[in-house]
Amino acid sequence: MTHKREIQGNVVKIAGEKTITIVVERRVMHPRYHKVVKRFKKYLVHDERNEAKVGDEVVAIECRPLSKTKSFRLKSVVKGA
């Protein structure tokens, strides 16, 4: 069985029924300037019970594609807003 990716980020938007948008921040070394810079990426996450609110920190786990852009499920809410 393949390994399921887990991502952790903050909820920035409730994107309709049972869907949240989270932003994941990662820190990478800049190739030329050798300085740590932040990179951001947004993911759509399936929230079956509508338990996450804007500002929450959540963990999502990879799953089969649920729509064209949604292939993560909400695993847990780490801390509330």
PDB file of N, CA and C in Angstrom:
ATOM      1  N   MET A   1       0.839  -1.186   0.000  1.00  0.00           N
ATOM      2  CA  MET A   1       0.000   0.000   0.000  1.00  0.00           C
ATOM      3  C   MET A   1       0.879   1.242   0.000  1.00  0.00           C
ATOM      4  N   THR A   2       0.461   2.270  -0.717  1.00  0.00           N
ATOM      5  CA  THR A   2       1.257   3.484  -0.806  1.00  0.00           C
ATOM      6  C   THR A   2       1.094   4.337   0.443  1.00  0.00           C
ATOM      7  N   HIS A   3       2.104   5.149   0.692  1.00  0.00           N
ATOM      8  CA  HIS A   3       2.093   6.025   1.858  1.00  0.00           C
ATOM      9  C   HIS A   3       1.191   7.220   1.600  1.00  0.00           C
ATOM     10  N   LYS A   4       0.304   7.533   2.549  1.00  0.00           N
ATOM     11  CA  LYS A   4      -0.594   8.679   2.427  1.00  0.00           C
ATOM     12  C   LYS A   4       0.099   9.921   2.982  1.00  0.00           C
ATOM     13  N   ARG A   5       0.167  10.972   2.161  1.00  0.00           N
ATOM     14  CA  ARG A   5       0.789  12.213   2.616  1.00  0.00           C
ATOM     15  C   ARG A   5      -0.111  12.905   3.620  1.00  0.00           C
ATOM     16  N   GLU A   6       0.511  13.526   4.627  1.00  0.00           N
ATOM     17  CA  GLU A   6      -0.212  14.335   5.591  1.00  0.00           C
ATOM     18  C   GLU A   6       0.294  15.762   5.470  1.00  0.00           C
ATOM     19  N   ILE A   7      -0.630  16.707   5.456  1.00  0.00           N
ATOM     20  CA  ILE A   7      -0.250  18.113   5.411  1.00  0.00           C
ATOM     21  C   ILE A   7      -0.881  18.825   6.591  1.00  0.00           C
ATOM     22  N   GLN A   8      -0.193  19.858   7.075  1.00  0.00           N
ATOM     23  CA  GLN A   8      -0.697  20.628   8.206  1.00  0.00           C
ATOM     24  C   GLN A   8      -0.700  22.095   7.811  1.00  0.00           C
ATOM     25  N   GLY A   9      -1.808  22.768   8.061  1.00  0.00           N
ATOM     26  CA  GLY A   9      -1.899  24.177   7.687  1.00  0.00           C
ATOM     27  C   GLY A   9      -3.069  24.861   8.371  1.00  0.00           C
ATOM     28  N   ASN A  10      -3.261  26.129   8.004  1.00  0.00           N
ATOM     29  CA  ASN A  10      -4.321  26.935   8.596  1.00  0.00           C
ATOM     30  C   ASN A  10      -5.484  27.088   7.632  1.00  0.00           C
ATOM     31  N   VAL A  11      -6.696  27.040   8.191  1.00  0.00           N
ATOM     32  CA  VAL A  11      -7.901  27.216   7.381  1.00  0.00           C
ATOM     33  C   VAL A  11      -8.034  28.702   7.048  1.00  0.00           C
ATOM     34  N   VAL A  12      -8.124  29.022   5.747  1.00  0.00           N
ATOM     35  CA  VAL A  12      -8.265  30.407   5.326  1.00  0.00           C
ATOM     36  C   VAL A  12      -9.654  30.696   4.765  1.00  0.00           C
ATOM     37  N   LYS A  13     -10.414  29.636   4.424  1.00  0.00           N
ATOM     38  CA  LYS A  13     -11.702  29.865   3.779  1.00  0.00           C
ATOM     39  C   LYS A  13     -12.575  28.624   3.920  1.00  0.00           C
ATOM     40  N   ILE A  14     -13.877  28.837   4.120  1.00  0.00           N
ATOM     41  CA  ILE A  14     -14.847  27.752   4.026  1.00  0.00           C
ATOM     42  C   ILE A  14     -15.361  27.813   2.588  1.00  0.00           C
ATOM     43  N   ALA A  15     -14.953  26.837   1.774  1.00  0.00           N
ATOM     44  CA  ALA A  15     -15.201  26.902   0.331  1.00  0.00           C
ATOM     45  C   ALA A  15     -16.431  26.086  -0.059  1.00  0.00           C
ATOM     46  N   GLY A  16     -17.560  26.426   0.500  1.00  0.00           N
ATOM     47  CA  GLY A  16     -18.775  25.697   0.172  1.00  0.00           C
ATOM     48  C   GLY A  16     -19.077  24.609   1.182  1.00  0.00           C
ATOM     49  N   GLU A  17     -20.072  23.796   0.880  1.00  0.00           N
ATOM     50  CA  GLU A  17     -20.502  22.721   1.784  1.00  0.00           C
ATOM     51  C   GLU A  17     -19.447  21.619   1.836  1.00  0.00           C
ATOM     52  N   LYS A  18     -18.990  21.272   3.061  1.00  0.00           N
ATOM     53  CA  LYS A  18     -18.047  20.173   3.312  1.00  0.00           C
ATOM     54  C   LYS A  18     -16.682  20.370   2.671  1.00  0.00           C
ATOM     55  N   THR A  19     -16.291  21.596   2.384  1.00  0.00           N
ATOM     56  CA  THR A  19     -14.983  21.867   1.799  1.00  0.00           C
ATOM     57  C   THR A  19     -14.338  23.059   2.495  1.00  0.00           C
ATOM     58  N   ILE A  20     -13.058  22.907   2.841  1.00  0.00           N
ATOM     59  CA  ILE A  20     -12.295  24.019   3.408  1.00  0.00           C
ATOM     60  C   ILE A  20     -11.047  24.232   2.564  1.00  0.00           C
ATOM     61  N   THR A  21     -10.531  25.449   2.593  1.00  0.00           N
ATOM     62  CA  THR A  21      -9.267  25.761   1.937  1.00  0.00           C
ATOM     63  C   THR A  21      -8.232  25.981   3.023  1.00  0.00           C
ATOM     64  N   ILE A  22      -7.105  25.249   2.926  1.00  0.00           N
ATOM     65  CA  ILE A  22      -6.035  25.460   3.899  1.00  0.00           C
ATOM     66  C   ILE A  22      -4.787  25.938   3.158  1.00  0.00           C
ATOM     67  N   VAL A  23      -3.974  26.715   3.861  1.00  0.00           N
ATOM     68  CA  VAL A  23      -2.715  27.185   3.293  1.00  0.00           C
ATOM     69  C   VAL A  23      -1.583  26.520   4.081  1.00  0.00           C
ATOM     70  N   VAL A  24      -0.666  25.885   3.344  1.00  0.00           N
ATOM     71  CA  VAL A  24       0.459  25.177   3.942  1.00  0.00           C
ATOM     72  C   VAL A  24       1.718  25.999   3.675  1.00  0.00           C
ATOM     73  N   GLU A  25       2.445  26.288   4.743  1.00  0.00           N
ATOM     74  CA  GLU A  25       3.670  27.074   4.638  1.00  0.00           C
ATOM     75  C   GLU A  25       4.865  26.146   4.802  1.00  0.00           C
ATOM     76  N   ARG A  26       5.846  26.276   3.895  1.00  0.00           N
ATOM     77  CA  ARG A  26       7.083  25.520   4.061  1.00  0.00           C
ATOM     78  C   ARG A  26       8.248  26.470   3.920  1.00  0.00           C
ATOM     79  N   ARG A  27       9.333  26.173   4.627  1.00  0.00           N
ATOM     80  CA  ARG A  27      10.512  27.021   4.602  1.00  0.00           C
ATOM     81  C   ARG A  27      11.590  26.319   3.787  1.00  0.00           C
ATOM     82  N   VAL A  28      12.105  27.013   2.768  1.00  0.00           N
ATOM     83  CA  VAL A  28      13.138  26.443   1.898  1.00  0.00           C
ATOM     84  C   VAL A  28      14.303  27.407   1.793  1.00  0.00           C
ATOM     85  N   MET A  29      15.473  26.863   1.513  1.00  0.00           N
ATOM     86  CA  MET A  29      16.662  27.670   1.322  1.00  0.00           C
ATOM     87  C   MET A  29      16.666  28.222  -0.099  1.00  0.00           C
ATOM     88  N   HIS A  30      16.858  29.535  -0.239  1.00  0.00           N
ATOM     89  CA  HIS A  30      16.914  30.142  -1.572  1.00  0.00           C
ATOM     90  C   HIS A  30      18.198  29.698  -2.260  1.00  0.00           C
ATOM     91  N   PRO A  31      18.091  29.230  -3.534  1.00  0.00           N
ATOM     92  CA  PRO A  31      19.274  28.667  -4.198  1.00  0.00           C
ATOM     93  C   PRO A  31      20.424  29.667  -4.387  1.00  0.00           C
ATOM     94  N   ARG A  32      20.116  30.929  -4.635  1.00  0.00           N
ATOM     95  CA  ARG A  32      21.188  31.900  -4.850  1.00  0.00           C
ATOM     96  C   ARG A  32      21.573  32.651  -3.583  1.00  0.00           C
ATOM     97  N   TYR A  33      20.578  33.106  -2.828  1.00  0.00           N
ATOM     98  CA  TYR A  33      20.874  33.993  -1.703  1.00  0.00           C
ATOM     99  C   TYR A  33      21.094  33.262  -0.387  1.00  0.00           C
ATOM    100  N   HIS A  34      20.883  31.954  -0.361  1.00  0.00           N
ATOM    101  CA  HIS A  34      21.128  31.119   0.828  1.00  0.00           C
ATOM    102  C   HIS A  34      20.443  31.678   2.068  1.00  0.00           C
ATOM    103  N   LYS A  35      19.206  32.100   1.869  1.00  0.00           N
ATOM    104  CA  LYS A  35      18.399  32.623   2.954  1.00  0.00           C
ATOM    105  C   LYS A  35      17.139  31.771   3.015  1.00  0.00           C
ATOM    106  N   VAL A  36      16.627  31.551   4.219  1.00  0.00           N
ATOM    107  CA  VAL A  36      15.415  30.753   4.365  1.00  0.00           C
ATOM    108  C   VAL A  36      14.215  31.618   3.990  1.00  0.00           C
ATOM    109  N   VAL A  37      13.435  31.151   2.996  1.00  0.00           N
ATOM    110  CA  VAL A  37      12.250  31.880   2.549  1.00  0.00           C
ATOM    111  C   VAL A  37      11.023  31.002   2.722  1.00  0.00           C
ATOM    112  N   LYS A  38       9.859  31.642   2.855  1.00  0.00           N
ATOM    113  CA  LYS A  38       8.609  30.910   3.023  1.00  0.00           C
ATOM    114  C   LYS A  38       7.969  30.689   1.665  1.00  0.00           C
ATOM    115  N   ARG A  39       7.448  29.499   1.469  1.00  0.00           N
ATOM    116  CA  ARG A  39       6.666  29.179   0.274  1.00  0.00           C
ATOM    117  C   ARG A  39       5.288  28.723   0.747  1.00  0.00           C
ATOM    118  N   PHE A  40       4.236  29.162   0.040  1.00  0.00           N
ATOM    119  CA  PHE A  40       2.867  28.847   0.433  1.00  0.00           C
ATOM    120  C   PHE A  40       2.156  28.096  -0.679  1.00  0.00           C
ATOM    121  N   LYS A  41       1.276  27.183  -0.295  1.00  0.00           N
ATOM    122  CA  LYS A  41       0.443  26.496  -1.263  1.00  0.00           C
ATOM    123  C   LYS A  41      -0.923  26.253  -0.635  1.00  0.00           C
ATOM    124  N   LYS A  42      -1.976  26.429  -1.443  1.00  0.00           N
ATOM    125  CA  LYS A  42      -3.337  26.209  -0.961  1.00  0.00           C
ATOM    126  C   LYS A  42      -3.837  24.848  -1.409  1.00  0.00           C
ATOM    127  N   TYR A  43      -4.563  24.178  -0.525  1.00  0.00           N
ATOM    128  CA  TYR A  43      -5.174  22.885  -0.826  1.00  0.00           C
ATOM    129  C   TYR A  43      -6.647  22.937  -0.465  1.00  0.00           C
ATOM    130  N   LEU A  44      -7.482  22.267  -1.256  1.00  0.00           N
ATOM    131  CA  LEU A  44      -8.880  22.070  -0.899  1.00  0.00           C
ATOM    132  C   LEU A  44      -8.972  20.757  -0.118  1.00  0.00           C
ATOM    133  N   VAL A  45      -9.674  20.784   1.001  1.00  0.00           N
ATOM    134  CA  VAL A  45      -9.763  19.633   1.903  1.00  0.00           C
ATOM    135  C   VAL A  45     -11.223  19.317   2.172  1.00  0.00           C
ATOM    136  N   HIS A  46     -11.562  18.031   2.114  1.00  0.00           N
ATOM    137  CA  HIS A  46     -12.928  17.571   2.374  1.00  0.00           C
ATOM    138  C   HIS A  46     -13.162  17.500   3.879  1.00  0.00           C
ATOM    139  N   ASP A  47     -14.168  18.219   4.351  1.00  0.00           N
ATOM    140  CA  ASP A  47     -14.526  18.270   5.779  1.00  0.00           C
ATOM    141  C   ASP A  47     -15.944  17.724   5.914  1.00  0.00           C
ATOM    142  N   GLU A  48     -16.064  16.435   6.127  1.00  0.00           N
ATOM    143  CA  GLU A  48     -17.359  15.742   6.103  1.00  0.00           C
ATOM    144  C   GLU A  48     -18.352  16.303   7.117  1.00  0.00           C
ATOM    145  N   ARG A  49     -17.883  16.634   8.338  1.00  0.00           N
ATOM    146  CA  ARG A  49     -18.803  17.065   9.402  1.00  0.00           C
ATOM    147  C   ARG A  49     -18.814  18.577   9.618  1.00  0.00           C
ATOM    148  N   ASN A  50     -18.186  19.333   8.723  1.00  0.00           N
ATOM    149  CA  ASN A  50     -18.123  20.793   8.837  1.00  0.00           C
ATOM    150  C   ASN A  50     -17.628  21.238  10.216  1.00  0.00           C
ATOM    151  N   GLU A  51     -16.532  20.618  10.700  1.00  0.00           N
ATOM    152  CA  GLU A  51     -16.057  20.930  12.043  1.00  0.00           C
ATOM    153  C   GLU A  51     -14.983  22.008  12.082  1.00  0.00           C
ATOM    154  N   ALA A  52     -14.331  22.297  10.959  1.00  0.00           N
ATOM    155  CA  ALA A  52     -13.253  23.292  10.951  1.00  0.00           C
ATOM    156  C   ALA A  52     -13.809  24.684  10.691  1.00  0.00           C
ATOM    157  N   LYS A  53     -13.207  25.666  11.359  1.00  0.00           N
ATOM    158  CA  LYS A  53     -13.591  27.070  11.188  1.00  0.00           C
ATOM    159  C   LYS A  53     -12.379  27.842  10.656  1.00  0.00           C
ATOM    160  N   VAL A  54     -12.622  29.027  10.131  1.00  0.00           N
ATOM    161  CA  VAL A  54     -11.526  29.865   9.631  1.00  0.00           C
ATOM    162  C   VAL A  54     -10.592  30.212  10.787  1.00  0.00           C
ATOM    163  N   GLY A  55      -9.287  30.008  10.575  1.00  0.00           N
ATOM    164  CA  GLY A  55      -8.291  30.290  11.603  1.00  0.00           C
ATOM    165  C   GLY A  55      -7.800  29.051  12.330  1.00  0.00           C
ATOM    166  N   ASP A  56      -8.509  27.928  12.195  1.00  0.00           N
ATOM    167  CA  ASP A  56      -8.075  26.683  12.840  1.00  0.00           C
ATOM    168  C   ASP A  56      -6.808  26.151  12.182  1.00  0.00           C
ATOM    169  N   GLU A  57      -6.001  25.452  12.973  1.00  0.00           N
ATOM    170  CA  GLU A  57      -4.863  24.716  12.420  1.00  0.00           C
ATOM    171  C   GLU A  57      -5.293  23.254  12.318  1.00  0.00           C
ATOM    172  N   VAL A  58      -5.161  22.670  11.127  1.00  0.00           N
ATOM    173  CA  VAL A  58      -5.689  21.332  10.885  1.00  0.00           C
ATOM    174  C   VAL A  58      -4.645  20.426  10.245  1.00  0.00           C
ATOM    175  N   VAL A  59      -4.885  19.112  10.354  1.00  0.00           N
ATOM    176  CA  VAL A  59      -4.079  18.108   9.665  1.00  0.00           C
ATOM    177  C   VAL A  59      -4.992  17.409   8.675  1.00  0.00           C
ATOM    178  N   ALA A  60      -4.515  17.277   7.422  1.00  0.00           N
ATOM    179  CA  ALA A  60      -5.288  16.610   6.376  1.00  0.00           C
ATOM    180  C   ALA A  60      -4.472  15.438   5.842  1.00  0.00           C
ATOM    181  N   ILE A  61      -5.168  14.413   5.370  1.00  0.00           N
ATOM    182  CA  ILE A  61      -4.512  13.213   4.857  1.00  0.00           C
ATOM    183  C   ILE A  61      -4.958  12.981   3.419  1.00  0.00           C
ATOM    184  N   GLU A  62      -4.041  12.510   2.600  1.00  0.00           N
ATOM    185  CA  GLU A  62      -4.326  12.288   1.189  1.00  0.00           C
ATOM    186  C   GLU A  62      -5.325  11.147   1.011  1.00  0.00           C
ATOM    187  N   CYS A  63      -6.190  11.281   0.018  1.00  0.00           N
ATOM    188  CA  CYS A  63      -7.168  10.242  -0.289  1.00  0.00           C
ATOM    189  C   CYS A  63      -7.396  10.210  -1.794  1.00  0.00           C
ATOM    190  N   ARG A  64      -8.325   9.394  -2.239  1.00  0.00           N
ATOM    191  CA  ARG A  64      -8.638   9.350  -3.665  1.00  0.00           C
ATOM    192  C   ARG A  64      -9.197  10.706  -4.077  1.00  0.00           C
ATOM    193  N   PRO A  65      -9.083  11.071  -5.353  1.00  0.00           N
ATOM    194  CA  PRO A  65      -9.629  12.357  -5.778  1.00  0.00           C
ATOM    195  C   PRO A  65     -11.147  12.416  -5.575  1.00  0.00           C
ATOM    196  N   LEU A  66     -11.589  13.427  -4.828  1.00  0.00           N
ATOM    197  CA  LEU A  66     -13.013  13.596  -4.556  1.00  0.00           C
ATOM    198  C   LEU A  66     -13.661  14.547  -5.560  1.00  0.00           C
ATOM    199  N   SER A  67     -12.837  15.349  -6.214  1.00  0.00           N
ATOM    200  CA  SER A  67     -13.304  16.229  -7.283  1.00  0.00           C
ATOM    201  C   SER A  67     -12.083  16.584  -8.128  1.00  0.00           C
ATOM    202  N   LYS A  68     -12.245  17.522  -9.034  1.00  0.00           N
ATOM    203  CA  LYS A  68     -11.134  17.918  -9.905  1.00  0.00           C
ATOM    204  C   LYS A  68      -9.939  18.443  -9.105  1.00  0.00           C
ATOM    205  N   THR A  69     -10.193  19.175  -8.037  1.00  0.00           N
ATOM    206  CA  THR A  69      -9.110  19.810  -7.277  1.00  0.00           C
ATOM    207  C   THR A  69      -8.962  19.302  -5.847  1.00  0.00           C
ATOM    208  N   LYS A  70      -9.858  18.423  -5.406  1.00  0.00           N
ATOM    209  CA  LYS A  70      -9.881  18.021  -3.992  1.00  0.00           C
ATOM    210  C   LYS A  70      -9.437  16.569  -3.819  1.00  0.00           C
ATOM    211  N   SER A  71      -8.278  16.367  -3.172  1.00  0.00           N
ATOM    212  CA  SER A  71      -7.831  14.997  -2.921  1.00  0.00           C
ATOM    213  C   SER A  71      -7.212  14.846  -1.529  1.00  0.00           C
ATOM    214  N   PHE A  72      -7.721  15.628  -0.563  1.00  0.00           N
ATOM    215  CA  PHE A  72      -7.325  15.486   0.837  1.00  0.00           C
ATOM    216  C   PHE A  72      -8.577  15.457   1.701  1.00  0.00           C
ATOM    217  N   ARG A  73      -8.510  14.680   2.796  1.00  0.00           N
ATOM    218  CA  ARG A  73      -9.591  14.608   3.785  1.00  0.00           C
ATOM    219  C   ARG A  73      -9.084  15.229   5.076  1.00  0.00           C
ATOM    220  N   LEU A  74      -9.988  15.815   5.851  1.00  0.00           N
ATOM    221  CA  LEU A  74      -9.629  16.355   7.161  1.00  0.00           C
ATOM    222  C   LEU A  74      -9.369  15.196   8.115  1.00  0.00           C
ATOM    223  N   LYS A  75      -8.207  15.199   8.758  1.00  0.00           N
ATOM    224  CA  LYS A  75      -7.893  14.165   9.743  1.00  0.00           C
ATOM    225  C   LYS A  75      -8.233  14.644  11.153  1.00  0.00           C
ATOM    226  N   SER A  76      -7.746  15.841  11.506  1.00  0.00           N
ATOM    227  CA  SER A  76      -8.034  16.370  12.828  1.00  0.00           C
ATOM    228  C   SER A  76      -7.811  17.878  12.869  1.00  0.00           C
ATOM    229  N   VAL A  77      -8.446  18.511  13.861  1.00  0.00           N
ATOM    230  CA  VAL A  77      -8.213  19.921  14.134  1.00  0.00           C
ATOM    231  C   VAL A  77      -7.188  19.996  15.252  1.00  0.00           C
ATOM    232  N   VAL A  78      -6.014  20.580  14.965  1.00  0.00           N
ATOM    233  CA  VAL A  78      -4.943  20.650  15.952  1.00  0.00           C
ATOM    234  C   VAL A  78      -5.274  21.665  17.032  1.00  0.00           C
ATOM    235  N   LYS A  79      -5.568  22.901  16.627  1.00  0.00           N
ATOM    236  CA  LYS A  79      -6.040  23.878  17.603  1.00  0.00           C
ATOM    237  C   LYS A  79      -7.015  24.833  16.952  1.00  0.00           C
ATOM    238  N   GLY A  80      -8.016  25.228  17.739  1.00  0.00           N
ATOM    239  CA  GLY A  80      -9.074  26.075  17.228  1.00  0.00           C
ATOM    240  C   GLY A  80      -8.659  27.520  17.094  1.00  0.00           C
ATOM    241  N   ALA A  81      -9.462  28.294  16.406  1.00  0.00           N
ATOM    242  CA  ALA A  81      -9.161  29.718  16.187  1.00  0.00           C
ATOM    243  C   ALA A  81      -9.305  30.496  17.473  1.00  0.00           C
TER     244      ALA A  81
END
